[in-house]
Structure formats: C-alpha cells, structure tokens
Amino acid sequence: MIGPRSLTEIRADRIRLHLSALHRDARSSEEEALITSLGDKLLDGPPVSDGSREDGK
C-alpha cells in the first residue's frame, strides 16, 4: 500500500490535470508555450505552506 499523499501533492496533481486539458485545447504554438510556462512557474515555484500570498496581502 502506498502511504497517504500530502495536500501539496494532491494539488500539484490537480494542476497538472488542468494544464494537460488546457494544453490539449491550445489553438496555437504560442498558447502551448504560455501554458507550459505557466505550469513550470506553478509547479516549480517556491511553496507557500500556509496558503498566504507571498506579498502578505
């Protein structure tokens, strides 16, 4: 049995799923590049563990 997944892992999987759908529906190579860039920033960026925004607002 695989151990329980963290909330962060579950959220990352959901983001990947949504990005995959967006990428599939992209109408141009520019849209594909934008979606890929967004995904990279969302999934590789610094985590914010308490859910607050980095600017504190």
N, C-alpha and C. Protein backbone atom coordinates (compact mmCIF):
# COMPACT_ATOMS: atom_id res chain seq x y z
N MET A 1 0.84 -1.18 0.00
CA MET A 1 0.00 0.00 0.00
C MET A 1 0.89 1.25 0.00
N ILE A 2 0.49 2.21 -0.74
CA ILE A 2 1.22 3.47 -0.81
C ILE A 2 0.72 4.37 0.32
N GLY A 3 1.65 5.06 0.95
CA GLY A 3 1.30 5.94 2.07
C GLY A 3 0.43 7.11 1.63
N PRO A 4 -0.14 7.81 2.60
CA PRO A 4 -1.01 8.96 2.28
C PRO A 4 -0.22 10.07 1.59
N ARG A 5 -0.88 10.72 0.67
CA ARG A 5 -0.25 11.82 -0.05
C ARG A 5 -0.55 13.13 0.66
N SER A 6 0.39 14.04 0.55
CA SER A 6 0.19 15.34 1.18
C SER A 6 -0.77 16.18 0.35
N LEU A 7 -1.32 17.18 0.97
CA LEU A 7 -2.23 18.08 0.27
C LEU A 7 -1.51 18.77 -0.89
N THR A 8 -0.24 19.08 -0.71
CA THR A 8 0.54 19.71 -1.78
C THR A 8 0.65 18.79 -2.99
N GLU A 9 0.88 17.50 -2.75
CA GLU A 9 0.96 16.54 -3.86
C GLU A 9 -0.37 16.41 -4.59
N ILE A 10 -1.45 16.40 -3.84
CA ILE A 10 -2.77 16.31 -4.45
C ILE A 10 -3.05 17.55 -5.29
N ARG A 11 -2.72 18.72 -4.76
CA ARG A 11 -2.92 19.97 -5.51
C ARG A 11 -2.07 19.99 -6.77
N ALA A 12 -0.83 19.54 -6.68
CA ALA A 12 0.05 19.50 -7.85
C ALA A 12 -0.53 18.59 -8.93
N ASP A 13 -1.07 17.46 -8.53
CA ASP A 13 -1.70 16.55 -9.50
C ASP A 13 -2.90 17.21 -10.17
N ARG A 14 -3.69 17.94 -9.41
CA ARG A 14 -4.85 18.63 -9.99
C ARG A 14 -4.41 19.71 -10.96
N ILE A 15 -3.35 20.44 -10.61
CA ILE A 15 -2.82 21.47 -11.51
C ILE A 15 -2.35 20.82 -12.80
N ARG A 16 -1.62 19.71 -12.69
CA ARG A 16 -1.14 19.01 -13.89
C ARG A 16 -2.31 18.56 -14.77
N LEU A 17 -3.36 18.07 -14.15
CA LEU A 17 -4.54 17.63 -14.90
C LEU A 17 -5.17 18.79 -15.66
N HIS A 18 -5.34 19.92 -15.00
CA HIS A 18 -5.93 21.10 -15.65
C HIS A 18 -5.01 21.63 -16.75
N LEU A 19 -3.71 21.67 -16.49
CA LEU A 19 -2.77 22.13 -17.51
C LEU A 19 -2.77 21.22 -18.72
N SER A 20 -2.91 19.93 -18.48
CA SER A 20 -2.97 18.98 -19.59
C SER A 20 -4.18 19.25 -20.47
N ALA A 21 -5.32 19.52 -19.84
CA ALA A 21 -6.53 19.83 -20.61
C ALA A 21 -6.37 21.13 -21.38
N LEU A 22 -5.78 22.14 -20.75
CA LEU A 22 -5.54 23.41 -21.44
C LEU A 22 -4.59 23.22 -22.62
N HIS A 23 -3.55 22.45 -22.40
CA HIS A 23 -2.56 22.21 -23.46
C HIS A 23 -3.22 21.49 -24.64
N ARG A 24 -4.08 20.54 -24.35
CA ARG A 24 -4.78 19.78 -25.39
C ARG A 24 -5.69 20.70 -26.21
N ASP A 25 -6.26 21.71 -25.57
CA ASP A 25 -7.19 22.62 -26.24
C ASP A 25 -6.52 23.85 -26.84
N ALA A 26 -5.21 23.97 -26.68
CA ALA A 26 -4.49 25.14 -27.21
C ALA A 26 -4.67 25.22 -28.72
N ARG A 27 -4.83 26.43 -29.21
CA ARG A 27 -5.09 26.62 -30.64
C ARG A 27 -3.87 27.07 -31.42
N SER A 28 -2.77 27.33 -30.73
CA SER A 28 -1.56 27.77 -31.43
C SER A 28 -0.34 27.37 -30.61
N SER A 29 0.81 27.42 -31.26
CA SER A 29 2.04 27.10 -30.55
C SER A 29 2.34 28.14 -29.47
N GLU A 30 1.87 29.38 -29.68
CA GLU A 30 2.06 30.42 -28.67
C GLU A 30 1.26 30.09 -27.41
N GLU A 31 0.03 29.61 -27.59
CA GLU A 31 -0.78 29.22 -26.43
C GLU A 31 -0.13 28.04 -25.71
N GLU A 32 0.37 27.08 -26.47
CA GLU A 32 1.04 25.93 -25.85
C GLU A 32 2.24 26.38 -25.03
N ALA A 33 3.02 27.30 -25.57
CA ALA A 33 4.20 27.81 -24.86
C ALA A 33 3.80 28.55 -23.59
N LEU A 34 2.73 29.34 -23.66
CA LEU A 34 2.26 30.07 -22.49
C LEU A 34 1.79 29.11 -21.40
N ILE A 35 1.05 28.09 -21.78
CA ILE A 35 0.55 27.10 -20.82
C ILE A 35 1.72 26.34 -20.19
N THR A 36 2.70 25.98 -21.00
CA THR A 36 3.88 25.28 -20.48
C THR A 36 4.63 26.17 -19.49
N SER A 37 4.80 27.43 -19.82
CA SER A 37 5.48 28.37 -18.94
C SER A 37 4.72 28.54 -17.62
N LEU A 38 3.41 28.67 -17.71
CA LEU A 38 2.58 28.81 -16.52
C LEU A 38 2.71 27.57 -15.64
N GLY A 39 2.65 26.41 -16.25
CA GLY A 39 2.80 25.17 -15.49
C GLY A 39 4.14 25.08 -14.78
N ASP A 40 5.20 25.47 -15.49
CA ASP A 40 6.53 25.45 -14.88
C ASP A 40 6.58 26.37 -13.67
N LYS A 41 6.00 27.55 -13.79
CA LYS A 41 6.02 28.50 -12.68
C LYS A 41 5.18 28.00 -11.50
N LEU A 42 4.02 27.42 -11.79
CA LEU A 42 3.16 26.94 -10.73
C LEU A 42 3.76 25.75 -9.99
N LEU A 43 4.33 24.83 -10.74
CA LEU A 43 4.80 23.59 -10.13
C LEU A 43 6.23 23.66 -9.62
N ASP A 44 7.04 24.57 -10.13
CA ASP A 44 8.43 24.65 -9.71
C ASP A 44 8.72 25.85 -8.82
N GLY A 45 7.74 26.69 -8.60
CA GLY A 45 7.94 27.88 -7.79
C GLY A 45 8.07 27.54 -6.33
N PRO A 46 8.46 28.52 -5.52
CA PRO A 46 8.61 28.27 -4.09
C PRO A 46 7.25 28.00 -3.44
N PRO A 47 7.18 26.98 -2.61
CA PRO A 47 5.91 26.67 -1.95
C PRO A 47 5.56 27.72 -0.90
N VAL A 48 4.28 27.96 -0.75
CA VAL A 48 3.77 28.84 0.30
C VAL A 48 2.91 27.94 1.17
N SER A 49 3.48 27.48 2.28
CA SER A 49 2.86 26.40 3.05
C SER A 49 1.57 26.79 3.76
N ASP A 50 1.42 28.05 4.14
CA ASP A 50 0.23 28.42 4.91
C ASP A 50 -0.90 28.93 4.03
N GLY A 51 -0.71 28.93 2.72
CA GLY A 51 -1.77 29.37 1.81
C GLY A 51 -1.82 30.87 1.62
N SER A 52 -0.97 31.61 2.30
CA SER A 52 -1.00 33.06 2.13
C SER A 52 -0.19 33.47 0.91
N ARG A 53 -0.46 34.65 0.43
CA ARG A 53 0.28 35.16 -0.72
C ARG A 53 1.65 35.62 -0.28
N GLU A 54 2.59 35.59 -1.22
CA GLU A 54 3.96 35.98 -0.88
C GLU A 54 4.07 37.43 -0.47
N ASP A 55 3.19 38.30 -1.00
CA ASP A 55 3.28 39.71 -0.66
C ASP A 55 2.56 40.04 0.65
N GLY A 56 1.99 39.01 1.30
CA GLY A 56 1.38 39.21 2.61
C GLY A 56 0.00 39.81 2.60
N LYS A 57 -0.58 40.01 1.43
CA LYS A 57 -1.92 40.62 1.37
C LYS A 57 -2.99 39.57 1.48
